[in-house]
Amino acid sequence: HTITEGDDGIRLDRWFKRHFPGFPHSLLEKQLRKGDIRLDGKKAKSSDRLQAGQVLEAPEITLTPAQKPK
């Protein structure tokens, strides 16, 4: 993903919440610790501020709908 002008200046964790609202924060933190999520080829942190034009590399995110309780 390439960061757009509309997302310039926001934190990485807020970017994920905006673009993938069902993605659990705990899973984001785990992938950040493992180095699976990178900004411009470098290991990213959830507190990193994004700049327009940066390239965000992340594994394929597939979200399954939460199951309703019986």
PDB file of N, CA and C in Angstrom:
ATOM      1  N   HIS A   1       0.838  -1.166   0.000  1.00  0.00           N
ATOM      2  CA  HIS A   1       0.000   0.000   0.000  1.00  0.00           C
ATOM      3  C   HIS A   1       0.889   1.237   0.000  1.00  0.00           C
ATOM      4  N   THR A   2       0.504   2.237  -0.771  1.00  0.00           N
ATOM      5  CA  THR A   2       1.191   3.516  -0.755  1.00  0.00           C
ATOM      6  C   THR A   2       0.333   4.501   0.046  1.00  0.00           C
ATOM      7  N   ILE A   3       0.957   5.197   0.977  1.00  0.00           N
ATOM      8  CA  ILE A   3       0.243   6.127   1.846  1.00  0.00           C
ATOM      9  C   ILE A   3      -0.169   7.356   1.034  1.00  0.00           C
ATOM     10  N   THR A   4      -1.439   7.749   1.163  1.00  0.00           N
ATOM     11  CA  THR A   4      -1.975   8.876   0.408  1.00  0.00           C
ATOM     12  C   THR A   4      -1.943  10.157   1.246  1.00  0.00           C
ATOM     13  N   GLU A   5      -2.240  11.270   0.602  1.00  0.00           N
ATOM     14  CA  GLU A   5      -2.282  12.564   1.287  1.00  0.00           C
ATOM     15  C   GLU A   5      -3.309  12.571   2.418  1.00  0.00           C
ATOM     16  N   GLY A   6      -4.421  11.868   2.226  1.00  0.00           N
ATOM     17  CA  GLY A   6      -5.458  11.830   3.242  1.00  0.00           C
ATOM     18  C   GLY A   6      -5.028  11.134   4.524  1.00  0.00           C
ATOM     19  N   ASP A   7      -4.005  10.292   4.453  1.00  0.00           N
ATOM     20  CA  ASP A   7      -3.511   9.566   5.621  1.00  0.00           C
ATOM     21  C   ASP A   7      -2.195  10.130   6.142  1.00  0.00           C
ATOM     22  N   ASP A   8      -1.748  11.240   5.581  1.00  0.00           N
ATOM     23  CA  ASP A   8      -0.476  11.843   5.974  1.00  0.00           C
ATOM     24  C   ASP A   8      -0.535  12.304   7.428  1.00  0.00           C
ATOM     25  N   GLY A   9       0.445  11.892   8.210  1.00  0.00           N
ATOM     26  CA  GLY A   9       0.565  12.349   9.587  1.00  0.00           C
ATOM     27  C   GLY A   9      -0.112  11.496  10.642  1.00  0.00           C
ATOM     28  N   ILE A  10      -0.889  10.476  10.251  1.00  0.00           N
ATOM     29  CA  ILE A  10      -1.534   9.654  11.270  1.00  0.00           C
ATOM     30  C   ILE A  10      -0.607   8.516  11.693  1.00  0.00           C
ATOM     31  N   ARG A  11      -0.882   7.972  12.858  1.00  0.00           N
ATOM     32  CA  ARG A  11      -0.090   6.855  13.357  1.00  0.00           C
ATOM     33  C   ARG A  11      -0.433   5.581  12.585  1.00  0.00           C
ATOM     34  N   LEU A  12       0.510   4.672  12.539  1.00  0.00           N
ATOM     35  CA  LEU A  12       0.312   3.410  11.822  1.00  0.00           C
ATOM     36  C   LEU A  12      -0.861   2.618  12.395  1.00  0.00           C
ATOM     37  N   ASP A  13      -0.978   2.541  13.715  1.00  0.00           N
ATOM     38  CA  ASP A  13      -2.088   1.782  14.296  1.00  0.00           C
ATOM     39  C   ASP A  13      -3.437   2.412  13.954  1.00  0.00           C
ATOM     40  N   ARG A  14      -3.512   3.741  13.857  1.00  0.00           N
ATOM     41  CA  ARG A  14      -4.756   4.419  13.460  1.00  0.00           C
ATOM     42  C   ARG A  14      -5.059   4.162  11.984  1.00  0.00           C
ATOM     43  N   TRP A  15      -4.017   4.051  11.159  1.00  0.00           N
ATOM     44  CA  TRP A  15      -4.204   3.760   9.728  1.00  0.00           C
ATOM     45  C   TRP A  15      -4.859   2.387   9.570  1.00  0.00           C
ATOM     46  N   PHE A  16      -4.379   1.400  10.328  1.00  0.00           N
ATOM     47  CA  PHE A  16      -4.972   0.063  10.258  1.00  0.00           C
ATOM     48  C   PHE A  16      -6.418   0.091  10.730  1.00  0.00           C
ATOM     49  N   LYS A  17      -6.709   0.834  11.797  1.00  0.00           N
ATOM     50  CA  LYS A  17      -8.090   0.912  12.303  1.00  0.00           C
ATOM     51  C   LYS A  17      -9.000   1.566  11.264  1.00  0.00           C
ATOM     52  N   ARG A  18      -8.481   2.538  10.516  1.00  0.00           N
ATOM     53  CA  ARG A  18      -9.267   3.229   9.493  1.00  0.00           C
ATOM     54  C   ARG A  18      -9.517   2.344   8.278  1.00  0.00           C
ATOM     55  N   HIS A  19      -8.509   1.616   7.829  1.00  0.00           N
ATOM     56  CA  HIS A  19      -8.622   0.841   6.593  1.00  0.00           C
ATOM     57  C   HIS A  19      -9.039  -0.610   6.806  1.00  0.00           C
ATOM     58  N   PHE A  20      -8.789  -1.150   7.980  1.00  0.00           N
ATOM     59  CA  PHE A  20      -9.170  -2.525   8.316  1.00  0.00           C
ATOM     60  C   PHE A  20      -9.816  -2.525   9.700  1.00  0.00           C
ATOM     61  N   PRO A  21     -11.051  -2.004   9.816  1.00  0.00           N
ATOM     62  CA  PRO A  21     -11.660  -1.825  11.135  1.00  0.00           C
ATOM     63  C   PRO A  21     -11.846  -3.119  11.931  1.00  0.00           C
ATOM     64  N   GLY A  22     -11.930  -4.263  11.287  1.00  0.00           N
ATOM     65  CA  GLY A  22     -12.112  -5.523  12.007  1.00  0.00           C
ATOM     66  C   GLY A  22     -10.815  -6.210  12.378  1.00  0.00           C
ATOM     67  N   PHE A  23      -9.682  -5.615  12.032  1.00  0.00           N
ATOM     68  CA  PHE A  23      -8.374  -6.212  12.298  1.00  0.00           C
ATOM     69  C   PHE A  23      -8.013  -5.983  13.772  1.00  0.00           C
ATOM     70  N   PRO A  24      -7.830  -7.047  14.552  1.00  0.00           N
ATOM     71  CA  PRO A  24      -7.560  -6.881  15.983  1.00  0.00           C
ATOM     72  C   PRO A  24      -6.220  -6.178  16.246  1.00  0.00           C
ATOM     73  N   HIS A  25      -6.238  -5.270  17.214  1.00  0.00           N
ATOM     74  CA  HIS A  25      -5.021  -4.534  17.564  1.00  0.00           C
ATOM     75  C   HIS A  25      -3.931  -5.484  18.066  1.00  0.00           C
ATOM     76  N   SER A  26      -4.332  -6.522  18.789  1.00  0.00           N
ATOM     77  CA  SER A  26      -3.346  -7.480  19.312  1.00  0.00           C
ATOM     78  C   SER A  26      -2.610  -8.192  18.184  1.00  0.00           C
ATOM     79  N   LEU A  27      -3.328  -8.515  17.103  1.00  0.00           N
ATOM     80  CA  LEU A  27      -2.692  -9.162  15.959  1.00  0.00           C
ATOM     81  C   LEU A  27      -1.761  -8.190  15.237  1.00  0.00           C
ATOM     82  N   LEU A  28      -2.160  -6.926  15.154  1.00  0.00           N
ATOM     83  CA  LEU A  28      -1.296  -5.903  14.563  1.00  0.00           C
ATOM     84  C   LEU A  28       0.012  -5.805  15.341  1.00  0.00           C
ATOM     85  N   GLU A  29      -0.084  -5.729  16.661  1.00  0.00           N
ATOM     86  CA  GLU A  29       1.117  -5.632  17.490  1.00  0.00           C
ATOM     87  C   GLU A  29       2.015  -6.858  17.328  1.00  0.00           C
ATOM     88  N   LYS A  30       1.415  -8.029  17.229  1.00  0.00           N
ATOM     89  CA  LYS A  30       2.192  -9.259  17.044  1.00  0.00           C
ATOM     90  C   LYS A  30       2.948  -9.226  15.722  1.00  0.00           C
ATOM     91  N   GLN A  31       2.271  -8.804  14.649  1.00  0.00           N
ATOM     92  CA  GLN A  31       2.929  -8.744  13.344  1.00  0.00           C
ATOM     93  C   GLN A  31       4.006  -7.665  13.305  1.00  0.00           C
ATOM     94  N   LEU A  32       3.803  -6.582  14.030  1.00  0.00           N
ATOM     95  CA  LEU A  32       4.833  -5.545  14.115  1.00  0.00           C
ATOM     96  C   LEU A  32       6.065  -6.078  14.847  1.00  0.00           C
ATOM     97  N   ARG A  33       5.864  -6.793  15.956  1.00  0.00           N
ATOM     98  CA  ARG A  33       6.989  -7.353  16.702  1.00  0.00           C
ATOM     99  C   ARG A  33       7.790  -8.334  15.858  1.00  0.00           C
ATOM    100  N   LYS A  34       7.081  -9.142  15.051  1.00  0.00           N
ATOM    101  CA  LYS A  34       7.750 -10.132  14.198  1.00  0.00           C
ATOM    102  C   LYS A  34       8.440  -9.486  13.004  1.00  0.00           C
ATOM    103  N   GLY A  35       8.108  -8.231  12.700  1.00  0.00           N
ATOM    104  CA  GLY A  35       8.706  -7.560  11.552  1.00  0.00           C
ATOM    105  C   GLY A  35       7.982  -7.838  10.248  1.00  0.00           C
ATOM    106  N   ASP A  36       6.751  -8.362  10.332  1.00  0.00           N
ATOM    107  CA  ASP A  36       5.976  -8.663   9.126  1.00  0.00           C
ATOM    108  C   ASP A  36       5.441  -7.404   8.455  1.00  0.00           C
ATOM    109  N   ILE A  37       5.316  -6.318   9.212  1.00  0.00           N
ATOM    110  CA  ILE A  37       4.813  -5.057   8.664  1.00  0.00           C
ATOM    111  C   ILE A  37       5.975  -4.086   8.591  1.00  0.00           C
ATOM    112  N   ARG A  38       6.173  -3.529   7.386  1.00  0.00           N
ATOM    113  CA  ARG A  38       7.326  -2.663   7.158  1.00  0.00           C
ATOM    114  C   ARG A  38       6.904  -1.366   6.483  1.00  0.00           C
ATOM    115  N   LEU A  39       7.627  -0.302   6.808  1.00  0.00           N
ATOM    116  CA  LEU A  39       7.453   0.994   6.164  1.00  0.00           C
ATOM    117  C   LEU A  39       8.735   1.304   5.408  1.00  0.00           C
ATOM    118  N   ASP A  40       8.613   1.464   4.114  1.00  0.00           N
ATOM    119  CA  ASP A  40       9.778   1.722   3.251  1.00  0.00           C
ATOM    120  C   ASP A  40      10.897   0.709   3.501  1.00  0.00           C
ATOM    121  N   GLY A  41      10.510  -0.549   3.715  1.00  0.00           N
ATOM    122  CA  GLY A  41      11.482  -1.629   3.867  1.00  0.00           C
ATOM    123  C   GLY A  41      12.049  -1.788   5.267  1.00  0.00           C
ATOM    124  N   LYS A  42      11.659  -0.924   6.219  1.00  0.00           N
ATOM    125  CA  LYS A  42      12.177  -1.000   7.580  1.00  0.00           C
ATOM    126  C   LYS A  42      11.077  -1.475   8.523  1.00  0.00           C
ATOM    127  N   LYS A  43      11.479  -2.170   9.567  1.00  0.00           N
ATOM    128  CA  LYS A  43      10.540  -2.653  10.577  1.00  0.00           C
ATOM    129  C   LYS A  43       9.777  -1.469  11.160  1.00  0.00           C
ATOM    130  N   ALA A  44       8.459  -1.593  11.234  1.00  0.00           N
ATOM    131  CA  ALA A  44       7.607  -0.495  11.685  1.00  0.00           C
ATOM    132  C   ALA A  44       7.167  -0.685  13.131  1.00  0.00           C
ATOM    133  N   LYS A  45       6.748   0.423  13.761  1.00  0.00           N
ATOM    134  CA  LYS A  45       6.164   0.408  15.101  1.00  0.00           C
ATOM    135  C   LYS A  45       4.770   1.014  15.003  1.00  0.00           C
ATOM    136  N   SER A  46       3.901   0.670  15.924  1.00  0.00           N
ATOM    137  CA  SER A  46       2.531   1.180  15.871  1.00  0.00           C
ATOM    138  C   SER A  46       2.478   2.691  16.050  1.00  0.00           C
ATOM    139  N   SER A  47       3.481   3.267  16.690  1.00  0.00           N
ATOM    140  CA  SER A  47       3.491   4.709  16.939  1.00  0.00           C
ATOM    141  C   SER A  47       4.113   5.513  15.792  1.00  0.00           C
ATOM    142  N   ASP A  48       4.614   4.837  14.756  1.00  0.00           N
ATOM    143  CA  ASP A  48       5.219   5.553  13.624  1.00  0.00           C
ATOM    144  C   ASP A  48       4.186   6.446  12.948  1.00  0.00           C
ATOM    145  N   ARG A  49       4.589   7.675  12.645  1.00  0.00           N
ATOM    146  CA  ARG A  49       3.728   8.604  11.907  1.00  0.00           C
ATOM    147  C   ARG A  49       3.952   8.369  10.416  1.00  0.00           C
ATOM    148  N   LEU A  50       2.858   8.249   9.672  1.00  0.00           N
ATOM    149  CA  LEU A  50       2.938   7.973   8.239  1.00  0.00           C
ATOM    150  C   LEU A  50       3.092   9.276   7.456  1.00  0.00           C
ATOM    151  N   GLN A  51       3.800   9.180   6.345  1.00  0.00           N
ATOM    152  CA  GLN A  51       3.972  10.317   5.452  1.00  0.00           C
ATOM    153  C   GLN A  51       3.480   9.906   4.076  1.00  0.00           C
ATOM    154  N   ALA A  52       2.860  10.841   3.381  1.00  0.00           N
ATOM    155  CA  ALA A  52       2.358  10.564   2.029  1.00  0.00           C
ATOM    156  C   ALA A  52       3.512  10.080   1.156  1.00  0.00           C
ATOM    157  N   GLY A  53       3.255   9.027   0.404  1.00  0.00           N
ATOM    158  CA  GLY A  53       4.258   8.465  -0.491  1.00  0.00           C
ATOM    159  C   GLY A  53       5.019   7.289   0.089  1.00  0.00           C
ATOM    160  N   GLN A  54       4.936   7.082   1.405  1.00  0.00           N
ATOM    161  CA  GLN A  54       5.612   5.926   1.996  1.00  0.00           C
ATOM    162  C   GLN A  54       4.945   4.648   1.504  1.00  0.00           C
ATOM    163  N   VAL A  55       5.731   3.577   1.469  1.00  0.00           N
ATOM    164  CA  VAL A  55       5.208   2.276   1.050  1.00  0.00           C
ATOM    165  C   VAL A  55       5.090   1.390   2.278  1.00  0.00           C
ATOM    166  N   LEU A  56       3.879   0.884   2.501  1.00  0.00           N
ATOM    167  CA  LEU A  56       3.586   0.002   3.617  1.00  0.00           C
ATOM    168  C   LEU A  56       3.498  -1.422   3.093  1.00  0.00           C
ATOM    169  N   GLU A  57       4.332  -2.291   3.632  1.00  0.00           N
ATOM    170  CA  GLU A  57       4.315  -3.698   3.251  1.00  0.00           C
ATOM    171  C   GLU A  57       3.713  -4.492   4.407  1.00  0.00           C
ATOM    172  N   ALA A  58       2.701  -5.281   4.098  1.00  0.00           N
ATOM    173  CA  ALA A  58       2.047  -6.092   5.119  1.00  0.00           C
ATOM    174  C   ALA A  58       1.605  -7.400   4.483  1.00  0.00           C
ATOM    175  N   PRO A  59       1.532  -8.472   5.283  1.00  0.00           N
ATOM    176  CA  PRO A  59       1.019  -9.726   4.737  1.00  0.00           C
ATOM    177  C   PRO A  59      -0.447  -9.573   4.360  1.00  0.00           C
ATOM    178  N   GLU A  60      -0.925 -10.459   3.531  1.00  0.00           N
ATOM    179  CA  GLU A  60      -2.333 -10.450   3.105  1.00  0.00           C
ATOM    180  C   GLU A  60      -3.227 -10.515   4.340  1.00  0.00           C
ATOM    181  N   ILE A  61      -4.168  -9.594   4.436  1.00  0.00           N
ATOM    182  CA  ILE A  61      -5.070  -9.543   5.576  1.00  0.00           C
ATOM    183  C   ILE A  61      -6.430 -10.070   5.138  1.00  0.00           C
ATOM    184  N   THR A  62      -6.831 -11.161   5.755  1.00  0.00           N
ATOM    185  CA  THR A  62      -8.157 -11.707   5.483  1.00  0.00           C
ATOM    186  C   THR A  62      -8.932 -11.687   6.786  1.00  0.00           C
ATOM    187  N   LEU A  63     -10.068 -11.057   6.750  1.00  0.00           N
ATOM    188  CA  LEU A  63     -10.894 -10.947   7.942  1.00  0.00           C
ATOM    189  C   LEU A  63     -12.109 -11.839   7.789  1.00  0.00           C
ATOM    190  N   THR A  64     -12.391 -12.599   8.824  1.00  0.00           N
ATOM    191  CA  THR A  64     -13.596 -13.416   8.822  1.00  0.00           C
ATOM    192  C   THR A  64     -14.597 -12.754   9.746  1.00  0.00           C
ATOM    193  N   PRO A  65     -15.866 -12.753   9.377  1.00  0.00           N
ATOM    194  CA  PRO A  65     -16.864 -12.123  10.233  1.00  0.00           C
ATOM    195  C   PRO A  65     -16.938 -12.823  11.589  1.00  0.00           C
ATOM    196  N   ALA A  66     -17.135 -12.048  12.625  1.00  0.00           N
ATOM    197  CA  ALA A  66     -17.252 -12.623  13.963  1.00  0.00           C
ATOM    198  C   ALA A  66     -18.496 -13.510  14.031  1.00  0.00           C
ATOM    199  N   GLN A  67     -18.363 -14.625  14.700  1.00  0.00           N
ATOM    200  CA  GLN A  67     -19.491 -15.533  14.839  1.00  0.00           C
ATOM    201  C   GLN A  67     -20.423 -15.013  15.910  1.00  0.00           C
ATOM    202  N   LYS A  68     -21.695 -15.102  15.621  1.00  0.00           N
ATOM    203  CA  LYS A  68     -22.698 -14.668  16.608  1.00  0.00           C
ATOM    204  C   LYS A  68     -22.859 -15.753  17.661  1.00  0.00           C
ATOM    205  N   PRO A  69     -23.031 -15.349  18.921  1.00  0.00           N
ATOM    206  CA  PRO A  69     -23.251 -16.362  19.958  1.00  0.00           C
ATOM    207  C   PRO A  69     -24.568 -17.086  19.742  1.00  0.00           C
ATOM    208  N   LYS A  70     -24.612 -18.352  20.125  1.00  0.00           N
ATOM    209  CA  LYS A  70     -25.814 -19.163  19.949  1.00  0.00           C
ATOM    210  C   LYS A  70     -26.831 -18.894  21.044  1.00  0.00           C
TER     211      LYS A  70
END
